[in-house]
Amino acid sequence: MNLPNKLSVIRLLLIPMVIVSFYVNFPYHYVVACALFGLAAFTDFLDGHIARKYNLVTDLGKFLDSSADKVLVLTTLILLLDAELITGGVMPSFIGGVLVSLILAREILISCLRMVTASKGVVMAADKLGKVKTILQDISIIFFLLAGDSSIFNLFSSVETAQLIHTIIYFIGFSLFGLAVIMTVVSGIHYVYVYWGKLEDNK
């Protein structure tokens, strides 16, 4: 197993650690979950960079990288949804459910499309829209996790300032998440548009 694949495995192993640190109530546990998620997201960038630079791209690597990325993001979004951190207590809870459902639906549909095109010998390569979508999702999740542990800001400022910082971090996270959802839908439509002909090809 080459280095990029090992990094993908590490990312998979970090996922249960994110879950545990998210739910186990100890001081600044959301911050710990944020750090673990950030580390896992960084391995997603790192393994792809190494694989391309040193020509270490393999079929196993494609499977591990894509699977680990989707499981990491979708699992963490479900955690955030469960704790109502996506809406931050300032928006109706169903908004978070609708947005996460859009992301989940897109990932399922595109994964099915990949399987169909692969059966016809066509590889759906990741495009720039998909990469931007992933980056926005990762950064917004980091902001949500930071906003979830507002007590940490009390260490560096007054209560009023800490509350202001918390509010700013949350709304930055939600704004980025809104953009991520838009890019998720746009990139999904783009994939379907580009590869739709392969679905109609009966050969």
Protein backbone atom coordinates (compact mmCIF):
# COMPACT_ATOMS: atom_id res chain seq x y z
CA MET A 1 0.00 0.00 0.00
CA ASN A 2 1.52 3.30 -1.07
CA LEU A 3 1.61 6.53 0.97
CA PRO A 4 -1.51 8.19 -0.51
CA ASN A 5 -3.55 5.08 0.25
CA LYS A 6 -2.19 4.98 3.80
CA LEU A 7 -3.28 8.60 4.25
CA SER A 8 -6.77 7.67 3.06
CA VAL A 9 -6.87 4.84 5.61
CA ILE A 10 -5.75 7.27 8.31
CA ARG A 11 -8.62 9.56 7.29
CA LEU A 12 -11.06 6.68 7.73
CA LEU A 13 -9.59 5.88 11.15
CA LEU A 14 -9.96 9.51 12.23
CA ILE A 15 -13.71 9.45 11.60
CA PRO A 16 -14.66 7.44 14.73
CA MET A 17 -12.33 9.68 16.73
CA VAL A 18 -14.26 12.71 15.47
CA ILE A 19 -17.52 11.04 16.51
CA VAL A 20 -16.27 10.17 20.00
CA SER A 21 -14.83 13.63 20.65
CA PHE A 22 -18.06 15.19 19.37
CA TYR A 23 -20.37 13.29 21.72
CA VAL A 24 -18.22 12.72 24.81
CA ASN A 25 -18.72 15.79 26.98
CA PHE A 26 -15.32 17.01 28.16
CA PRO A 27 -13.88 20.55 28.14
CA TYR A 28 -13.60 21.93 24.60
CA HIS A 29 -14.61 18.62 23.04
CA TYR A 30 -15.95 20.38 19.93
CA VAL A 31 -12.55 22.02 19.49
CA VAL A 32 -10.91 18.60 19.66
CA ALA A 33 -13.43 17.27 17.13
CA CYS A 34 -12.63 20.30 14.96
CA ALA A 35 -8.88 19.61 15.13
CA LEU A 36 -9.39 15.94 14.24
CA PHE A 37 -11.71 16.84 11.38
CA GLY A 38 -9.23 19.44 10.12
CA LEU A 39 -6.44 16.86 10.20
CA ALA A 40 -8.58 14.36 8.32
CA ALA A 41 -9.54 16.98 5.71
CA PHE A 42 -5.86 17.88 5.27
CA THR A 43 -5.01 14.25 4.50
CA ASP A 44 -7.60 14.44 1.70
CA PHE A 45 -5.63 17.24 0.08
CA LEU A 46 -2.28 15.64 0.85
CA ASP A 47 -2.94 12.15 -0.51
CA GLY A 48 -4.27 13.51 -3.81
CA HIS A 49 -1.32 15.86 -4.17
CA ILE A 50 1.22 13.11 -3.51
CA ALA A 51 -0.55 10.61 -5.78
CA ARG A 52 -0.57 13.04 -8.71
CA LYS A 53 2.93 14.40 -8.16
CA TYR A 54 4.63 11.02 -7.87
CA ASN A 55 2.33 9.11 -10.23
CA LEU A 56 0.98 6.90 -7.45
CA VAL A 57 -2.63 6.91 -8.64
CA THR A 58 -4.19 3.44 -8.29
CA ASP A 59 -7.70 2.00 -8.51
CA LEU A 60 -7.54 1.23 -4.78
CA GLY A 61 -6.49 4.79 -4.14
CA LYS A 62 -9.39 6.19 -6.13
CA PHE A 63 -11.81 4.05 -4.12
CA LEU A 64 -10.27 4.84 -0.73
CA ASP A 65 -9.89 8.57 -1.38
CA SER A 66 -13.42 9.10 -2.64
CA SER A 67 -15.00 6.85 0.01
CA ALA A 68 -13.06 8.35 2.92
CA ASP A 69 -13.85 11.89 1.82
CA LYS A 70 -17.59 11.27 1.52
CA VAL A 71 -17.85 9.31 4.77
CA LEU A 72 -15.91 11.99 6.66
CA VAL A 73 -18.01 14.91 5.41
CA LEU A 74 -21.42 13.21 5.53
CA THR A 75 -20.80 11.71 8.98
CA THR A 76 -19.75 15.06 10.42
CA LEU A 77 -22.70 16.84 8.82
CA ILE A 78 -25.05 14.35 10.48
CA LEU A 79 -23.35 15.04 13.82
CA LEU A 80 -23.78 18.78 13.31
CA LEU A 81 -27.40 18.26 12.32
CA ASP A 82 -28.06 16.15 15.42
CA ALA A 83 -26.62 18.87 17.67
CA GLU A 84 -28.39 21.62 15.67
CA LEU A 85 -25.06 23.34 15.13
CA ILE A 86 -25.79 23.99 11.46
CA THR A 87 -28.70 26.28 12.33
CA GLY A 88 -26.97 27.57 15.45
CA GLY A 89 -30.23 27.86 17.34
CA VAL A 90 -31.07 31.01 15.36
CA MET A 91 -32.80 29.36 12.40
CA PRO A 92 -35.55 26.73 12.09
CA SER A 93 -34.01 23.29 12.52
CA PHE A 94 -35.54 21.99 9.29
CA ILE A 95 -33.24 24.29 7.31
CA GLY A 96 -30.24 22.21 8.34
CA GLY A 97 -32.09 19.04 7.43
CA VAL A 98 -32.98 20.32 3.96
CA LEU A 99 -29.41 21.49 3.23
CA VAL A 100 -27.80 18.26 4.42
CA SER A 101 -30.38 16.24 2.46
CA LEU A 102 -29.39 18.09 -0.72
CA ILE A 103 -25.74 17.19 -0.15
CA LEU A 104 -26.56 13.57 0.68
CA ALA A 105 -28.82 13.21 -2.36
CA ARG A 106 -26.16 14.65 -4.65
CA GLU A 107 -23.47 12.30 -3.37
CA ILE A 108 -25.71 9.25 -3.80
CA LEU A 109 -26.79 10.24 -7.31
CA ILE A 110 -23.26 11.01 -8.49
CA SER A 111 -21.92 7.79 -6.95
CA CYS A 112 -24.56 5.85 -8.88
CA LEU A 113 -23.65 7.75 -12.04
CA ARG A 114 -19.98 6.87 -11.50
CA MET A 115 -20.87 3.18 -11.27
CA VAL A 116 -22.89 3.29 -14.49
CA THR A 117 -20.21 5.14 -16.44
CA ALA A 118 -17.50 2.88 -15.02
CA SER A 119 -19.42 -0.16 -16.27
CA LYS A 120 -19.15 1.38 -19.72
CA GLY A 121 -15.42 1.95 -19.36
CA VAL A 122 -15.70 5.67 -18.72
CA VAL A 123 -13.98 7.21 -15.68
CA MET A 124 -15.62 10.28 -14.17
CA ALA A 125 -12.67 12.45 -13.20
CA ALA A 126 -13.03 14.96 -10.39
CA ASP A 127 -13.50 18.45 -11.79
CA LYS A 128 -12.83 21.91 -10.36
CA LEU A 129 -16.45 22.41 -9.32
CA GLY A 130 -16.32 19.26 -7.21
CA LYS A 131 -13.04 20.30 -5.62
CA VAL A 132 -14.39 23.75 -4.74
CA LYS A 133 -17.47 22.09 -3.28
CA THR A 134 -15.33 19.88 -1.05
CA ILE A 135 -13.16 22.76 0.14
CA LEU A 136 -16.21 24.86 1.05
CA GLN A 137 -17.81 21.94 2.88
CA ASP A 138 -14.66 21.24 4.89
CA ILE A 139 -14.07 24.87 5.89
CA SER A 140 -17.71 25.46 6.83
CA ILE A 141 -17.70 22.34 9.02
CA ILE A 142 -14.58 23.60 10.80
CA PHE A 143 -16.33 26.92 11.52
CA PHE A 144 -19.46 25.13 12.77
CA LEU A 145 -17.42 22.99 15.16
CA LEU A 146 -15.58 26.04 16.48
CA ALA A 147 -18.87 27.88 16.97
CA GLY A 148 -20.22 24.88 18.86
CA ASP A 149 -17.73 25.41 21.70
CA SER A 150 -18.25 29.10 22.44
CA SER A 151 -16.73 28.80 25.93
CA ILE A 152 -13.25 28.70 24.45
CA PHE A 153 -13.57 32.34 23.38
CA ASN A 154 -13.99 33.36 27.02
CA LEU A 155 -10.34 32.46 27.54
CA PHE A 156 -9.19 35.33 25.35
CA SER A 157 -11.77 38.07 25.83
CA SER A 158 -14.70 39.40 27.82
CA VAL A 159 -18.06 37.67 27.74
CA GLU A 160 -19.53 40.27 25.38
CA THR A 161 -16.59 40.07 22.99
CA ALA A 162 -16.63 36.26 23.16
CA GLN A 163 -20.30 36.24 22.19
CA LEU A 164 -19.60 38.56 19.28
CA ILE A 165 -16.72 36.36 18.07
CA HIS A 166 -18.93 33.30 18.40
CA THR A 167 -21.69 34.93 16.34
CA ILE A 168 -19.25 36.03 13.63
CA ILE A 169 -17.69 32.56 13.39
CA TYR A 170 -21.11 30.92 13.13
CA PHE A 171 -22.36 33.21 10.38
CA ILE A 172 -19.11 32.81 8.44
CA GLY A 173 -19.58 29.06 8.72
CA PHE A 174 -23.22 29.21 7.64
CA SER A 175 -22.42 31.51 4.72
CA LEU A 176 -19.67 29.17 3.51
CA PHE A 177 -22.01 26.22 3.99
CA GLY A 178 -24.66 27.93 1.90
CA LEU A 179 -22.09 28.39 -0.86
CA ALA A 180 -21.06 24.75 -0.42
CA VAL A 181 -24.64 23.59 -0.92
CA ILE A 182 -24.96 25.72 -4.05
CA MET A 183 -21.70 24.31 -5.43
CA THR A 184 -22.86 20.82 -4.48
CA VAL A 185 -26.00 21.20 -6.57
CA VAL A 186 -24.22 22.97 -9.44
CA SER A 187 -21.42 20.40 -9.63
CA GLY A 188 -23.96 17.57 -9.49
CA ILE A 189 -25.94 19.05 -12.38
CA HIS A 190 -22.70 19.57 -14.29
CA TYR A 191 -21.68 15.93 -13.85
CA VAL A 192 -25.09 14.71 -15.03
CA TYR A 193 -24.99 17.07 -18.02
CA VAL A 194 -21.52 15.94 -19.08
CA TYR A 195 -22.09 12.19 -18.62
CA TRP A 196 -25.81 11.90 -19.40
CA GLY A 197 -25.06 10.49 -22.82
CA LYS A 198 -23.39 7.48 -21.21
CA LEU A 199 -26.66 6.65 -19.45
CA GLU A 200 -28.53 6.62 -22.75
CA ASP A 201 -25.89 4.54 -24.51
CA ASN A 202 -27.16 0.95 -24.60
CA LYS A 203 -24.05 -0.48 -26.18
